[in-house]
Amino acid sequence: MANKFVQFLQDNKIDPRRLIVASFQLEKLGPEDRKAKLAKRQAKGGKAPAAAEGEAKEPVKRRSGRPVTPRLMASVTAGKPVTGPAKTRVLRALNRVLEQKKKKPVDLKTIF
């Protein structure tokens, strides 16, 4: 018997390889992500970055830089236990593919 995730992919005719590609595009670190990581690293070391001194900005949600891998997809499709952040990355990639197919996004409980 297929698990909910595999059944959802089959019902919507989505190839798991598309999720891997979409995740690589979504999770790729951009210049703003690298700047945020640098500012965090400098603040931890005791040096205050120039941008943080002038104005107090709310922290922006950064990309993880860790995309969905073929190994993760194999674990998910086999029904093995997967960590929460990994499930979130798979969900983000799945919603991106569904958006490209002009379908409504799903939530975590629908596929896991």
C-alpha atoms as a PDB file:
ATOM      1  CA  MET A   1       0.000   0.000   0.000  1.00  0.00           C
ATOM      2  CA  ALA A   2       1.333   3.432  -0.927  1.00  0.00           C
ATOM      3  CA  ASN A   3       1.580   6.115   1.719  1.00  0.00           C
ATOM      4  CA  LYS A   4      -0.333   9.418   1.535  1.00  0.00           C
ATOM      5  CA  PHE A   5       2.556  11.268  -0.109  1.00  0.00           C
ATOM      6  CA  VAL A   6       3.031   8.741  -2.922  1.00  0.00           C
ATOM      7  CA  GLN A   7      -0.719   8.570  -3.486  1.00  0.00           C
ATOM      8  CA  PHE A   8      -0.909  12.380  -3.683  1.00  0.00           C
ATOM      9  CA  LEU A   9       1.910  12.466  -6.258  1.00  0.00           C
ATOM     10  CA  GLN A  10       0.184   9.800  -8.345  1.00  0.00           C
ATOM     11  CA  ASP A  11      -3.208  11.521  -8.179  1.00  0.00           C
ATOM     12  CA  ASN A  12      -1.729  14.854  -9.287  1.00  0.00           C
ATOM     13  CA  LYS A  13       0.660  13.294 -11.830  1.00  0.00           C
ATOM     14  CA  ILE A  14       3.780  14.819 -10.290  1.00  0.00           C
ATOM     15  CA  ASP A  15       7.196  13.314 -10.911  1.00  0.00           C
ATOM     16  CA  PRO A  16       9.346  13.238  -7.729  1.00  0.00           C
ATOM     17  CA  ARG A  17      12.289  14.538  -9.762  1.00  0.00           C
ATOM     18  CA  ARG A  18      10.364  17.784 -10.295  1.00  0.00           C
ATOM     19  CA  LEU A  19      10.253  18.270  -6.537  1.00  0.00           C
ATOM     20  CA  ILE A  20      14.035  17.929  -6.334  1.00  0.00           C
ATOM     21  CA  VAL A  21      14.565  20.550  -9.046  1.00  0.00           C
ATOM     22  CA  ALA A  22      11.992  22.924  -7.555  1.00  0.00           C
ATOM     23  CA  SER A  23      13.589  22.598  -4.135  1.00  0.00           C
ATOM     24  CA  PHE A  24      17.045  23.401  -5.480  1.00  0.00           C
ATOM     25  CA  GLN A  25      15.630  26.600  -6.984  1.00  0.00           C
ATOM     26  CA  LEU A  26      13.689  27.553  -3.851  1.00  0.00           C
ATOM     27  CA  GLU A  27      16.376  26.863  -1.272  1.00  0.00           C
ATOM     28  CA  LYS A  28      19.318  28.357  -3.175  1.00  0.00           C
ATOM     29  CA  LEU A  29      21.038  30.981  -1.059  1.00  0.00           C
ATOM     30  CA  GLY A  30      20.894  34.467  -2.509  1.00  0.00           C
ATOM     31  CA  PRO A  31      22.911  37.596  -1.726  1.00  0.00           C
ATOM     32  CA  GLU A  32      20.433  38.758   0.929  1.00  0.00           C
ATOM     33  CA  ASP A  33      20.653  35.368   2.671  1.00  0.00           C
ATOM     34  CA  ARG A  34      24.448  35.509   2.702  1.00  0.00           C
ATOM     35  CA  LYS A  35      24.360  39.057   4.124  1.00  0.00           C
ATOM     36  CA  ALA A  36      22.022  37.918   6.892  1.00  0.00           C
ATOM     37  CA  LYS A  37      24.280  34.971   7.726  1.00  0.00           C
ATOM     38  CA  LEU A  38      27.311  37.293   7.806  1.00  0.00           C
ATOM     39  CA  ALA A  39      25.542  39.762  10.101  1.00  0.00           C
ATOM     40  CA  LYS A  40      24.533  36.947  12.449  1.00  0.00           C
ATOM     41  CA  ARG A  41      28.059  35.558  12.501  1.00  0.00           C
ATOM     42  CA  GLN A  42      29.575  38.999  13.170  1.00  0.00           C
ATOM     43  CA  ALA A  43      27.070  39.738  15.935  1.00  0.00           C
ATOM     44  CA  LYS A  44      27.954  36.445  17.580  1.00  0.00           C
ATOM     45  CA  GLY A  45      31.662  37.254  17.423  1.00  0.00           C
ATOM     46  CA  GLY A  46      31.194  40.604  19.137  1.00  0.00           C
ATOM     47  CA  LYS A  47      31.423  42.809  16.064  1.00  0.00           C
ATOM     48  CA  ALA A  48      28.223  44.703  15.419  1.00  0.00           C
ATOM     49  CA  PRO A  49      27.377  45.053  11.729  1.00  0.00           C
ATOM     50  CA  ALA A  50      26.867  48.584  10.406  1.00  0.00           C
ATOM     51  CA  ALA A  51      23.299  47.920   9.256  1.00  0.00           C
ATOM     52  CA  ALA A  52      22.209  46.708  12.695  1.00  0.00           C
ATOM     53  CA  GLU A  53      23.538  49.829  14.426  1.00  0.00           C
ATOM     54  CA  GLY A  54      21.645  52.325  12.260  1.00  0.00           C
ATOM     55  CA  GLU A  55      18.219  50.763  12.178  1.00  0.00           C
ATOM     56  CA  ALA A  56      16.498  47.884  13.913  1.00  0.00           C
ATOM     57  CA  LYS A  57      15.108  45.574  11.246  1.00  0.00           C
ATOM     58  CA  GLU A  58      12.939  42.592  12.003  1.00  0.00           C
ATOM     59  CA  PRO A  59      14.620  39.325  11.029  1.00  0.00           C
ATOM     60  CA  VAL A  60      13.594  38.103   7.598  1.00  0.00           C
ATOM     61  CA  LYS A  61      12.856  34.418   7.046  1.00  0.00           C
ATOM     62  CA  ARG A  62      15.943  33.080   5.328  1.00  0.00           C
ATOM     63  CA  ARG A  63      16.178  30.131   3.012  1.00  0.00           C
ATOM     64  CA  SER A  64      17.752  27.076   4.527  1.00  0.00           C
ATOM     65  CA  GLY A  65      20.218  26.395   1.734  1.00  0.00           C
ATOM     66  CA  ARG A  66      19.397  22.702   2.089  1.00  0.00           C
ATOM     67  CA  PRO A  67      17.253  21.437  -0.767  1.00  0.00           C
ATOM     68  CA  VAL A  68      15.339  18.188  -1.072  1.00  0.00           C
ATOM     69  CA  THR A  69      17.783  15.464  -2.084  1.00  0.00           C
ATOM     70  CA  PRO A  70      17.173  12.179  -3.900  1.00  0.00           C
ATOM     71  CA  ARG A  71      17.929  10.375  -0.636  1.00  0.00           C
ATOM     72  CA  LEU A  72      15.250  12.357   1.179  1.00  0.00           C
ATOM     73  CA  MET A  73      12.752  11.650  -1.602  1.00  0.00           C
ATOM     74  CA  ALA A  74      13.536   7.935  -1.359  1.00  0.00           C
ATOM     75  CA  SER A  75      12.908   8.041   2.406  1.00  0.00           C
ATOM     76  CA  VAL A  76       9.637   9.925   2.035  1.00  0.00           C
ATOM     77  CA  THR A  77       8.289   7.678  -0.718  1.00  0.00           C
ATOM     78  CA  ALA A  78       9.297   4.558   1.224  1.00  0.00           C
ATOM     79  CA  GLY A  79       7.383   5.796   4.267  1.00  0.00           C
ATOM     80  CA  LYS A  80      10.417   6.042   6.547  1.00  0.00           C
ATOM     81  CA  PRO A  81      10.409   8.605   9.373  1.00  0.00           C
ATOM     82  CA  VAL A  82      11.542  12.070   8.265  1.00  0.00           C
ATOM     83  CA  THR A  83      12.402  15.110  10.381  1.00  0.00           C
ATOM     84  CA  GLY A  84      10.143  18.139  10.583  1.00  0.00           C
ATOM     85  CA  PRO A  85      12.382  20.546   8.647  1.00  0.00           C
ATOM     86  CA  ALA A  86      12.768  17.972   5.871  1.00  0.00           C
ATOM     87  CA  LYS A  87       8.989  17.608   5.649  1.00  0.00           C
ATOM     88  CA  THR A  88       8.690  21.378   5.393  1.00  0.00           C
ATOM     89  CA  ARG A  89      11.203  21.504   2.535  1.00  0.00           C
ATOM     90  CA  VAL A  90       9.316  18.769   0.678  1.00  0.00           C
ATOM     91  CA  LEU A  91       6.040  20.631   1.263  1.00  0.00           C
ATOM     92  CA  ARG A  92       7.503  23.909  -0.036  1.00  0.00           C
ATOM     93  CA  ALA A  93       8.776  22.186  -3.187  1.00  0.00           C
ATOM     94  CA  LEU A  94       5.443  20.396  -3.680  1.00  0.00           C
ATOM     95  CA  ASN A  95       3.486  23.633  -3.331  1.00  0.00           C
ATOM     96  CA  ARG A  96       5.804  25.278  -5.869  1.00  0.00           C
ATOM     97  CA  VAL A  97       5.104  22.502  -8.397  1.00  0.00           C
ATOM     98  CA  LEU A  98       1.377  22.706  -7.689  1.00  0.00           C
ATOM     99  CA  GLU A  99       1.546  26.477  -8.228  1.00  0.00           C
ATOM    100  CA  GLN A 100       3.156  25.871 -11.619  1.00  0.00           C
ATOM    101  CA  LYS A 101       0.321  23.466 -12.471  1.00  0.00           C
ATOM    102  CA  LYS A 102      -2.258  26.133 -11.467  1.00  0.00           C
ATOM    103  CA  LYS A 103      -3.498  24.071  -8.509  1.00  0.00           C
ATOM    104  CA  LYS A 104      -4.125  25.064  -4.918  1.00  0.00           C
ATOM    105  CA  PRO A 105      -1.342  24.595  -2.353  1.00  0.00           C
ATOM    106  CA  VAL A 106      -1.695  21.862   0.249  1.00  0.00           C
ATOM    107  CA  ASP A 107      -0.842  21.711   3.924  1.00  0.00           C
ATOM    108  CA  LEU A 108       1.441  19.333   5.778  1.00  0.00           C
ATOM    109  CA  LYS A 109      -1.308  17.094   7.136  1.00  0.00           C
ATOM    110  CA  THR A 110      -2.582  16.387   3.637  1.00  0.00           C
ATOM    111  CA  ILE A 111       0.605  14.698   2.479  1.00  0.00           C
ATOM    112  CA  PHE A 112       2.110  13.277   5.703  1.00  0.00           C
END
